[in-house]
Protein backbone atom coordinates (compact mmCIF):
# COMPACT_ATOMS: atom_id res chain seq x y z
CA MET A 1 1.12 12.56 -8.07
CA ASN A 2 4.26 10.76 -9.18
CA GLU A 3 3.25 7.21 -10.14
CA ALA A 4 -0.50 7.85 -9.91
CA LYS A 5 -2.67 7.10 -12.94
CA SER A 6 -6.09 8.56 -13.66
CA ARG A 7 -9.24 7.14 -15.22
CA ILE A 8 -11.92 9.74 -15.95
CA HIS A 9 -15.62 9.07 -16.51
CA PHE A 10 -17.85 11.89 -17.79
CA THR A 11 -21.58 12.36 -18.02
CA ILE A 12 -22.30 14.90 -20.77
CA ILE A 13 -25.70 16.49 -21.32
CA LYS A 14 -26.28 18.92 -24.22
CA ASN A 15 -22.52 19.30 -24.75
CA ARG A 16 -21.97 20.27 -21.12
CA ILE A 17 -20.13 18.13 -18.59
CA LYS A 18 -22.63 17.54 -15.78
CA MET A 19 -20.67 14.98 -13.78
CA LYS A 20 -17.03 13.97 -13.69
CA ILE A 21 -15.65 10.99 -11.80
CA GLU A 22 -11.89 10.59 -11.83
CA GLN A 23 -10.22 7.59 -10.24
CA ILE A 24 -6.66 8.53 -9.27
CA TYR A 25 -4.90 5.21 -8.80
CA THR A 26 -1.52 5.00 -7.09
CA GLY A 27 0.22 1.74 -7.94
CA CYS A 28 2.74 1.73 -5.10
CA LEU A 29 -0.09 1.69 -2.56
CA ALA A 30 -2.60 -0.08 -4.83
CA GLN A 31 -4.90 2.75 -3.76
CA GLY A 32 -7.72 4.58 -5.49
CA ALA A 33 -8.67 8.13 -4.56
CA TYR A 34 -11.60 9.83 -6.29
CA TYR A 35 -12.28 13.31 -7.65
CA ILE A 36 -16.01 13.94 -8.27
CA GLU A 37 -17.21 17.17 -9.84
CA SER A 38 -20.69 18.47 -10.62
CA ASN A 39 -21.76 21.99 -11.53
CA GLY A 40 -18.75 23.69 -9.97
CA GLU A 41 -18.63 21.64 -6.76
CA VAL A 42 -16.12 18.90 -5.96
CA ALA A 43 -15.90 15.99 -3.55
CA ILE A 44 -12.70 14.07 -2.89
CA ILE A 45 -12.91 10.52 -1.58
CA ASP A 46 -9.98 8.97 0.34
CA PRO A 47 -7.33 11.53 -0.76
CA LEU A 48 -3.62 10.88 -0.68
CA ARG A 49 -1.40 12.80 1.75
CA GLU A 50 -0.18 15.24 -0.93
CA VAL A 51 -3.27 17.30 -1.71
CA GLN A 52 -2.12 20.05 -4.06
CA PRO A 53 -3.02 18.06 -7.21
CA TYR A 54 -6.67 17.93 -6.08
CA ILE A 55 -6.68 21.67 -5.46
CA ASP A 56 -5.09 22.31 -8.85
CA LYS A 57 -7.71 20.17 -10.63
CA ALA A 58 -10.55 22.07 -9.00
CA GLU A 59 -9.03 25.48 -9.70
CA LYS A 60 -8.42 24.56 -13.35
CA ASN A 61 -12.14 23.77 -13.69
CA ASN A 62 -13.25 26.86 -11.73
CA ALA A 63 -14.72 24.50 -9.14
CA LYS A 64 -14.65 24.45 -5.34
CA ILE A 65 -13.88 21.45 -3.15
CA LYS A 66 -16.91 21.13 -0.87
CA TYR A 67 -16.55 17.69 0.78
CA ILE A 68 -13.80 15.26 1.70
CA PHE A 69 -15.41 11.86 2.18
CA GLU A 70 -13.47 9.22 4.10
CA THR A 71 -14.67 5.63 3.79
CA HIS A 72 -12.96 4.66 7.07
CA PHE A 73 -9.83 5.24 9.14
CA HIS A 74 -7.22 3.90 6.76
CA ALA A 75 -4.52 1.63 8.14
CA ASP A 76 -2.27 1.27 5.11
CA PHE A 77 -1.74 4.95 4.30
CA VAL A 78 -2.13 8.41 5.79
CA SER A 79 -4.96 10.25 4.10
CA GLY A 80 -4.80 13.90 3.07
CA HIS A 81 -8.09 14.90 4.68
CA VAL A 82 -6.71 17.14 7.42
CA THR A 83 -4.43 19.18 5.14
CA LEU A 84 -7.00 19.38 2.34
CA ALA A 85 -9.67 20.70 4.71
CA LYS A 86 -7.25 23.26 6.11
CA LYS A 87 -6.29 24.52 2.65
CA THR A 88 -9.79 24.58 1.11
CA GLY A 89 -12.31 24.89 3.93
CA ALA A 90 -13.97 21.68 2.73
CA THR A 91 -15.92 19.57 5.22
CA ILE A 92 -14.41 16.23 6.26
CA VAL A 93 -17.07 13.50 6.39
CA TYR A 94 -16.74 10.18 8.21
CA GLY A 95 -19.35 7.51 8.75
CA PRO A 96 -21.32 6.73 11.92
CA SER A 97 -19.39 5.96 15.12
CA ALA A 98 -16.16 7.64 13.93
CA GLU A 99 -14.33 9.73 16.51
CA THR A 100 -11.70 12.28 15.47
CA ASN A 101 -9.40 14.82 17.14
CA PHE A 102 -10.18 17.38 14.42
CA GLU A 103 -13.37 18.98 13.16
CA ALA A 104 -15.40 16.55 11.04
CA LEU A 105 -18.99 15.83 10.17
CA ILE A 106 -19.92 12.38 11.47
CA ALA A 107 -22.63 11.30 9.05
CA GLN A 108 -25.76 9.41 9.98
CA ASP A 109 -26.71 6.29 8.07
CA ASN A 110 -28.45 7.32 4.82
CA GLN A 111 -27.52 10.99 5.28
CA VAL A 112 -27.77 12.90 1.99
CA PHE A 113 -25.14 15.31 0.66
CA MET A 114 -25.79 17.57 -2.33
CA LEU A 115 -22.91 18.16 -4.75
CA GLY A 116 -23.84 20.39 -7.66
CA ASP A 117 -26.52 18.51 -9.58
CA ILE A 118 -25.85 15.14 -7.99
CA THR A 119 -26.43 13.46 -4.64
CA ILE A 120 -24.12 11.40 -2.45
CA ILE A 121 -25.63 9.20 0.27
CA ALA A 122 -23.65 7.76 3.19
CA LEU A 123 -24.45 4.06 3.65
CA HIS A 124 -23.05 2.75 6.94
CA THR A 125 -21.39 -0.57 6.08
CA PRO A 126 -19.46 -1.76 9.15
CA GLY A 127 -17.33 -4.88 8.96
CA HIS A 128 -13.86 -3.94 7.75
CA THR A 129 -13.98 -1.35 10.52
CA MET A 130 -16.92 -0.18 12.61
CA GLU A 131 -17.10 3.26 10.98
CA SER A 132 -16.71 1.90 7.41
CA THR A 133 -19.07 3.70 5.06
CA THR A 134 -19.94 3.25 1.40
CA TYR A 135 -20.94 6.36 -0.54
CA LEU A 136 -23.75 5.96 -3.07
CA LEU A 137 -23.76 8.49 -5.93
CA LYS A 138 -27.03 9.39 -7.61
CA ASP A 139 -26.97 11.34 -10.88
CA LYS A 140 -28.94 14.54 -11.58
CA ASP A 141 -32.04 12.47 -12.37
CA GLY A 142 -31.87 10.63 -9.05
CA LYS A 143 -30.66 7.38 -10.64
CA ASN A 144 -28.17 5.26 -8.71
CA HIS A 145 -24.90 5.51 -10.64
CA ALA A 146 -21.94 4.31 -8.53
CA ILE A 147 -20.75 3.30 -5.09
CA PHE A 148 -17.43 4.24 -3.53
CA SER A 149 -17.00 1.20 -1.36
CA GLY A 150 -13.70 1.86 0.42
CA ASP A 151 -12.44 -1.39 1.94
CA THR A 152 -15.93 -2.87 2.31
CA LEU A 153 -16.13 -4.29 -1.21
CA PHE A 154 -13.16 -4.77 -3.51
CA ILE A 155 -13.11 -6.14 -7.03
CA GLY A 156 -12.94 -9.89 -6.40
CA ASP A 157 -12.77 -9.66 -2.63
CA VAL A 158 -13.92 -7.85 0.51
CA GLY A 159 -12.03 -6.04 3.23
CA ARG A 160 -10.28 -8.05 5.93
CA PRO A 161 -12.22 -8.00 9.21
CA ASP A 162 -9.29 -8.24 11.61
CA LEU A 163 -7.95 -4.68 11.71
CA ALA A 164 -10.39 -3.08 14.17
CA GLN A 165 -11.08 -5.84 16.67
CA LYS A 166 -9.62 -3.84 19.58
CA VAL A 167 -12.87 -1.87 19.70
CA GLY A 168 -14.32 -3.11 22.99
CA LYS A 169 -14.81 -6.87 22.95
CA ILE A 170 -15.42 -7.13 19.20
CA THR A 171 -13.64 -10.04 17.53
CA GLU A 172 -12.70 -10.54 13.89
CA LYS A 173 -15.58 -13.01 13.60
CA ASP A 174 -17.96 -10.36 14.91
CA LEU A 175 -16.66 -7.92 12.31
CA ALA A 176 -16.97 -10.55 9.58
CA GLY A 177 -20.59 -11.02 10.59
CA PHE A 178 -21.19 -7.27 10.41
CA LEU A 179 -19.56 -7.24 6.98
CA PHE A 180 -21.86 -10.03 5.78
CA ASP A 181 -24.90 -8.02 6.88
CA SER A 182 -23.57 -4.81 5.33
CA LEU A 183 -23.03 -6.46 1.97
CA ARG A 184 -26.39 -8.27 1.96
CA ASN A 185 -28.49 -5.41 3.31
CA LYS A 186 -26.85 -2.29 1.91
CA ILE A 187 -24.91 -3.17 -1.24
CA MET A 188 -26.22 -6.33 -2.91
CA PRO A 189 -29.83 -5.02 -3.18
CA LEU A 190 -28.57 -2.19 -5.42
CA GLU A 191 -28.90 -2.36 -9.21
CA ASP A 192 -26.49 -4.55 -11.17
CA SER A 193 -25.60 -1.62 -13.41
CA ILE A 194 -24.03 0.37 -10.57
CA ILE A 195 -20.28 0.89 -10.88
CA VAL A 196 -18.16 -0.24 -7.92
CA TYR A 197 -15.19 2.02 -7.16
CA PRO A 198 -13.12 0.47 -4.32
CA ALA A 199 -10.25 1.96 -2.33
CA HIS A 200 -7.73 -0.70 -3.33
CA GLY A 201 -6.71 -3.24 -5.97
CA ALA A 202 -4.24 -6.12 -6.23
CA GLY A 203 -1.19 -5.67 -4.03
CA SER A 204 -2.94 -4.15 -1.04
CA ALA A 205 -2.65 -5.85 2.34
CA CYS A 206 -6.25 -4.82 3.13
CA GLY A 207 -7.67 -7.95 1.45
CA LYS A 208 -6.63 -11.48 0.51
CA ASN A 209 -7.31 -11.88 -3.20
CA LEU A 210 -7.93 -8.51 -4.80
CA SER A 211 -8.29 -8.25 -8.56
CA LYS A 212 -5.90 -6.21 -10.69
CA GLU A 213 -9.02 -4.46 -12.06
CA THR A 214 -9.80 -1.22 -10.25
CA PHE A 215 -13.55 -0.92 -10.93
CA ASP A 216 -16.42 -3.08 -12.16
CA THR A 217 -20.20 -3.29 -12.24
CA LEU A 218 -21.94 -4.58 -9.16
CA GLY A 219 -23.74 -7.15 -11.31
CA ASN A 220 -20.47 -8.69 -12.45
CA GLN A 221 -19.20 -8.77 -8.88
CA LYS A 222 -22.33 -10.64 -7.81
CA LYS A 223 -21.40 -13.26 -10.40
CA THR A 224 -17.67 -13.48 -9.79
CA ASN A 225 -16.83 -12.32 -6.25
CA TYR A 226 -16.78 -15.30 -3.87
CA ALA A 227 -18.00 -13.14 -0.99
CA LEU A 228 -21.20 -12.14 -2.80
CA ARG A 229 -22.48 -15.65 -3.54
CA ALA A 230 -26.25 -15.55 -3.28
CA ASP A 231 -26.44 -18.94 -1.50
CA MET A 232 -23.68 -18.21 1.03
CA THR A 233 -24.66 -18.47 4.69
CA LYS A 234 -23.31 -16.10 7.30
CA ASP A 235 -21.28 -18.88 8.90
CA GLU A 236 -19.75 -19.79 5.53
CA PHE A 237 -18.93 -16.15 4.88
CA ILE A 238 -17.26 -15.70 8.27
CA LYS A 239 -15.15 -18.81 7.73
CA GLU A 240 -14.07 -17.82 4.24
CA VAL A 241 -13.14 -14.19 4.96
CA THR A 242 -11.25 -15.03 8.15
CA ASP A 243 -9.42 -18.06 6.75
CA GLY A 244 -5.79 -17.60 5.77
CA LEU A 245 -5.40 -13.99 6.85
CA ALA A 246 -1.74 -13.00 7.06
CA PRO A 247 -0.80 -10.86 10.06
CA PRO A 248 -1.34 -7.17 9.24
CA PRO A 249 1.80 -5.05 8.78
CA LYS A 250 3.01 -3.57 12.04
CA TYR A 251 2.68 0.03 10.85
CA PHE A 252 -1.08 -0.25 10.30
CA PRO A 253 -2.17 0.81 13.83
CA LEU A 254 0.17 3.80 13.68
CA ASN A 255 -1.39 5.02 10.43
CA VAL A 256 -4.88 4.62 11.90
CA LYS A 257 -3.79 6.78 14.84
CA MET A 258 -2.50 9.51 12.52
CA ASN A 259 -5.71 9.44 10.47
CA GLN A 260 -7.78 9.81 13.64
CA GLU A 261 -5.67 12.38 15.43
CA GLY A 262 -4.08 14.44 12.65
CA TYR A 263 -0.51 14.90 11.46
CA GLU A 264 2.18 17.34 10.37
CA ASP A 265 1.65 19.22 7.09
CA ILE A 266 3.39 17.40 4.25
CA GLY A 267 5.06 20.63 3.15
CA ASP A 268 6.86 20.81 6.49
CA VAL A 269 7.83 17.14 6.22
CA ILE A 270 9.34 17.69 2.78
CA LYS A 271 11.17 20.85 3.88
CA LYS A 272 12.71 19.01 6.84
CA GLY A 273 13.70 16.00 4.76
CA THR A 274 15.22 17.76 1.77
CA GLU A 275 18.35 18.89 3.57
CA ALA A 276 21.35 18.06 1.40
CA LEU A 277 24.20 16.60 3.48
CA SER A 278 27.81 16.18 2.42
CA PRO A 279 29.30 12.72 2.93
CA LYS A 280 30.99 13.85 6.16
CA ALA A 281 27.83 15.52 7.45
CA PHE A 282 25.76 12.50 6.42
CA GLU A 283 28.12 10.17 8.31
CA ALA A 284 28.04 12.43 11.36
CA ALA A 285 24.23 12.56 11.33
CA ALA A 286 24.08 8.76 11.12
CA ASN A 287 26.51 8.37 14.02
CA GLU A 288 25.03 11.05 16.26
CA THR A 289 21.37 10.07 15.90
CA ASP A 290 19.39 6.84 15.81
CA ALA A 291 18.77 7.41 12.11
CA LEU A 292 18.47 4.44 9.79
CA VAL A 293 20.21 4.87 6.44
CA LEU A 294 17.67 3.96 3.77
CA ASP A 295 18.97 3.42 0.22
CA VAL A 296 16.16 3.85 -2.31
CA ARG A 297 18.15 3.57 -5.56
CA HIS A 298 17.70 0.70 -8.02
CA GLN A 299 18.84 -2.67 -6.69
CA SER A 300 21.52 -2.92 -9.37
CA GLU A 301 23.15 0.23 -7.99
CA PHE A 302 22.94 -1.01 -4.41
CA ILE A 303 24.60 -4.28 -5.45
CA LYS A 304 27.56 -2.41 -6.97
CA GLY A 305 28.11 -0.29 -3.88
CA HIS A 306 26.36 1.00 -0.77
CA ILE A 307 26.97 2.51 2.65
CA PRO A 308 27.71 -0.22 5.22
CA ARG A 309 24.67 -1.31 7.26
CA SER A 310 22.27 0.68 5.08
CA ILE A 311 18.91 -0.88 4.24
CA PHE A 312 17.78 -1.10 0.63
CA ILE A 313 14.14 -0.58 -0.35
CA GLY A 314 14.03 0.74 -3.92
CA LEU A 315 11.60 3.40 -5.13
CA GLN A 316 10.83 1.43 -8.28
CA GLY A 317 9.20 -1.46 -6.38
CA GLY A 318 6.44 -1.63 -3.76
CA PHE A 319 8.35 1.02 -1.85
CA ALA A 320 6.02 2.52 0.75
CA PRO A 321 4.30 -0.73 1.84
CA TRP A 322 7.66 -2.47 2.24
CA VAL A 323 9.00 0.44 4.28
CA GLY A 324 5.93 0.19 6.50
CA ALA A 325 6.16 -3.58 6.85
CA LEU A 326 9.90 -3.82 7.49
CA ILE A 327 10.77 -0.63 9.37
CA ALA A 328 7.35 -0.54 11.07
CA ASP A 329 7.93 2.35 13.50
CA VAL A 330 6.73 5.49 11.72
CA LYS A 331 8.70 7.60 14.22
CA GLN A 332 12.00 6.11 13.03
CA THR A 333 14.45 8.81 11.95
CA LEU A 334 15.69 8.30 8.38
CA LEU A 335 18.62 9.40 6.23
CA LEU A 336 18.25 8.79 2.50
CA VAL A 337 20.54 7.67 -0.27
CA VAL A 338 18.56 8.51 -3.36
CA GLU A 339 19.08 9.04 -7.07
CA PRO A 340 19.63 12.78 -7.71
CA GLY A 341 16.34 14.52 -8.43
CA LYS A 342 14.24 11.88 -6.64
CA GLU A 343 14.62 13.29 -3.13
CA GLU A 344 11.20 14.92 -2.84
CA GLU A 345 9.46 11.91 -4.40
CA ALA A 346 11.07 9.60 -1.85
CA ILE A 347 10.09 11.81 1.10
CA THR A 348 6.54 12.21 -0.22
CA ARG A 349 6.08 8.49 -0.65
CA LEU A 350 7.45 7.84 2.83
CA SER A 351 4.99 10.34 4.26
CA ARG A 352 2.10 8.51 2.59
CA VAL A 353 2.60 5.72 5.11
CA GLY A 354 3.38 8.00 8.02
CA PHE A 355 7.19 8.11 7.96
CA ASP A 356 7.64 11.83 8.54
CA ASN A 357 11.08 11.87 10.17
CA THR A 358 13.50 12.04 7.26
CA ILE A 359 16.24 14.46 8.36
CA GLY A 360 18.29 14.70 5.18
CA TYR A 361 19.75 13.00 2.13
CA LEU A 362 23.24 12.31 0.79
CA ASP A 363 24.09 15.20 -1.53
CA GLY A 364 25.41 13.77 -4.80
CA SER A 365 24.10 10.33 -3.86
CA PHE A 366 26.41 7.33 -3.51
CA ASP A 367 28.90 8.62 -6.10
CA ALA A 368 29.72 11.51 -3.75
CA TRP A 369 30.24 9.06 -0.88
CA LYS A 370 32.56 6.93 -2.98
CA ASP A 371 34.45 9.91 -4.41
CA ALA A 372 35.04 11.19 -0.87
CA GLY A 373 36.93 7.99 -0.10
CA MET A 374 34.39 6.81 2.44
CA GLU A 375 34.08 3.13 3.37
CA TYR A 376 31.52 1.21 1.32
CA ASP A 377 30.26 -2.30 0.82
CA THR A 378 29.04 -4.42 -2.11
CA LEU A 379 26.73 -7.39 -2.54
CA ASP A 380 27.68 -10.58 -4.34
CA SER A 381 25.16 -11.25 -7.11
CA ILE A 382 25.18 -13.91 -9.80
CA SER A 383 23.03 -14.77 -12.80
CA ALA A 384 20.51 -17.60 -12.76
CA GLU A 385 22.75 -19.45 -15.23
CA GLU A 386 25.70 -19.24 -12.83
CA PHE A 387 23.41 -20.30 -9.98
CA ALA A 388 22.41 -23.38 -12.02
CA LYS A 389 26.08 -24.39 -12.22
CA ARG A 390 26.56 -24.04 -8.47
CA TYR A 391 23.21 -25.48 -7.41
CA PRO A 392 24.12 -29.23 -7.33
CA GLU A 393 26.75 -28.65 -4.64
CA HIS A 394 24.83 -25.97 -2.72
CA LYS A 395 21.21 -27.07 -2.86
CA ASP A 396 21.06 -27.15 0.96
CA VAL A 397 21.80 -23.40 1.27
CA VAL A 398 19.18 -21.87 -1.05
CA PHE A 399 16.70 -19.42 0.55
CA ASP A 400 13.48 -18.22 -1.05
CA VAL A 401 12.17 -14.93 0.39
CA ARG A 402 8.90 -14.76 -1.53
CA LYS A 403 5.48 -14.83 0.13
CA ASP A 404 3.94 -18.03 1.49
CA GLY A 405 1.62 -18.57 -1.47
CA GLU A 406 4.38 -18.01 -4.02
CA TYR A 407 6.69 -20.47 -2.33
CA THR A 408 4.05 -23.12 -1.72
CA SER A 409 2.77 -23.04 -5.27
CA GLU A 410 6.22 -23.63 -6.78
CA HIS A 411 9.86 -23.37 -5.67
CA VAL A 412 13.40 -24.56 -6.25
CA ASP A 413 13.74 -28.14 -5.12
CA GLY A 414 15.23 -28.12 -1.62
CA ALA A 415 14.99 -24.37 -1.13
CA LYS A 416 14.27 -23.17 2.39
CA HIS A 417 11.55 -20.57 2.92
CA ALA A 418 12.29 -17.29 4.72
CA PRO A 419 9.61 -14.78 3.69
CA LEU A 420 10.84 -11.19 3.56
CA ASP A 421 8.02 -9.75 5.65
CA SER A 422 9.07 -11.88 8.63
CA LEU A 423 12.77 -12.28 7.82
CA ASN A 424 13.92 -11.44 11.34
CA ASP A 425 12.22 -14.60 12.58
CA TYR A 426 14.49 -16.70 10.35
CA LEU A 427 17.90 -15.20 11.13
CA SER A 428 19.11 -18.35 12.90
CA ALA A 429 18.41 -20.41 9.77
CA PHE A 430 21.08 -18.68 7.68
CA PRO A 431 24.53 -20.30 7.84
CA LYS A 432 27.30 -18.20 9.32
CA ASP A 433 30.25 -20.25 8.10
CA LYS A 434 29.63 -20.68 4.37
CA PRO A 435 28.07 -18.83 1.41
CA PHE A 436 24.33 -19.19 0.80
CA PHE A 437 22.00 -18.09 -1.98
CA VAL A 438 18.96 -15.83 -1.73
CA HIS A 439 16.30 -15.21 -4.38
CA CYS A 440 12.80 -13.78 -4.73
CA ALA A 441 10.55 -13.54 -7.81
CA GLY A 442 12.38 -10.90 -9.83
CA GLY A 443 15.37 -9.59 -7.88
CA TYR A 444 13.91 -6.72 -5.85
CA ARG A 445 12.94 -8.41 -2.59
CA SER A 446 16.08 -10.56 -2.42
CA VAL A 447 18.24 -7.43 -2.36
CA ILE A 448 16.07 -5.99 0.42
CA ALA A 449 16.56 -9.25 2.32
CA ALA A 450 20.30 -9.22 1.68
CA SER A 451 20.60 -5.65 2.97
CA ILE A 452 18.76 -6.57 6.17
CA LEU A 453 20.95 -9.63 6.70
CA LYS A 454 24.11 -7.61 6.10
CA SER A 455 22.92 -5.00 8.60
CA ARG A 456 22.64 -7.87 11.11
CA GLY A 457 26.25 -8.88 10.49
CA ILE A 458 25.55 -11.71 8.04
CA HIS A 459 27.72 -11.09 4.97
CA ASN A 460 28.13 -14.47 3.26
CA ILE A 461 25.12 -13.86 0.98
CA ILE A 462 24.93 -14.43 -2.76
CA ASP A 463 21.96 -12.83 -4.51
CA VAL A 464 20.45 -14.55 -7.55
CA ALA A 465 19.72 -11.79 -10.06
CA GLY A 466 16.35 -11.99 -11.80
CA GLY A 467 14.95 -14.26 -9.08
CA TYR A 468 12.62 -17.15 -9.69
CA GLY A 469 11.57 -15.75 -13.04
CA ALA A 470 15.12 -16.20 -14.31
CA ILE A 471 15.64 -19.51 -12.47
CA LYS A 472 12.66 -21.03 -14.29
CA LYS A 473 14.53 -20.62 -17.56
CA THR A 474 17.34 -22.90 -16.34
CA ASP A 475 17.37 -26.66 -15.74
CA ILE A 476 17.37 -26.30 -11.95
CA PRO A 477 14.83 -28.82 -10.56
CA ARG A 478 11.64 -27.28 -9.17
CA THR A 479 8.58 -28.59 -7.39
CA ASP A 480 5.41 -29.21 -9.38
CA TYR A 481 3.20 -26.16 -9.77
CA VAL A 482 0.08 -25.98 -7.58
CA CYS A 483 -2.51 -23.29 -8.30
CA PRO A 484 -2.53 -20.87 -5.31
CA SER A 485 -6.35 -20.77 -5.29
CA THR A 486 -6.40 -24.46 -4.32
CA LEU A 487 -4.11 -23.94 -1.34
CA LYS A 488 -6.77 -23.75 1.37
């Protein structure tokens, strides 16, 4: 699964594997899917869009996928439930109140599902969304072993309660109140030894302060997770979980719609997108359609040369979430400039967040474009050391595109803030008549920002390579550091 990493937990009895829990963690999405196997039967929880790896795992173990459990209608990625059910005959399970346009079993609260020698119980835990459900796994002896908490309970945080408030007259405060009750009545009474397997970790937009750890014991979360404080009142909880919520990315509602209604098979999406186009054909496709040219190479390559007006979002960074946040419309037609051999990976990762309309890629990548004598552009980029030399005379034209918390906690003295995720709101702040400097934390987001600005006709940009991490090693004056956790 490309950049996915697995952690496998086994229960072994008399030299035989009786239960297998595999967390398949995808860093780009900060998302955890789960493969659970017992006595030849398999359940998949919150699968990714590309489902063949799950099928291959089951076949290798002579096991059959019986259930596909969904913790809720995901907003940040398109799940693989529809395709996986079609390919395996497995039953899709959602929690109470869910409504789908495809065949699914809508579980009742506390409904029991048998999987080999183990039991999985659906615990309705509304709050993040109304259908949110936590799945409690009991081992062969009936002992509570783990919960798969979706976006209800994270490690160090809980799910944001503002993504489903269009359901009737429900507000985010109502949802926060439901979440408080779900945690106190369904999850916190469980044993401290239970393992918590959430749907996301640090980097996800589904929570505010997620830990980089991807699982923990419930007992440790009761001690360390602010939202599980034993003495917390409901009013305090509602205030804390709703305070400081950044606006959700614009593609979230579109992903929810796809998860509820179904979607095109990923194999068809890949087949459509992997059409190799010559430079002339690529140019013609860009001119004759509303396609956006998306350059997914490394930022260093984009800096050296790129197709005019193309947008850079590199595969090696937080690719899919940034595509979703900045392009937003999942129906946008795309043409790709990609490192040779990475075409299918790029299309797959786009499809994970619902961008299914890639219509081709530049055959031979940018070198072919350049060798064909086609027009191209470059981006001015300087080292932090060179920036330090220029800073005294240009301190009024420095732009920091990091997130609010990053900027507020520490920044270059005099730098203006123009966060990447809302860059279009700051276009008027950039000077049109003189060079200005743009930086982020490490050099990835500033090149994204520069590409967007250039596509808007603003070309007097100078990127600071290495970003704030490199700037800190110079003598450029910076504001005093303030711990982000104190910025309430």
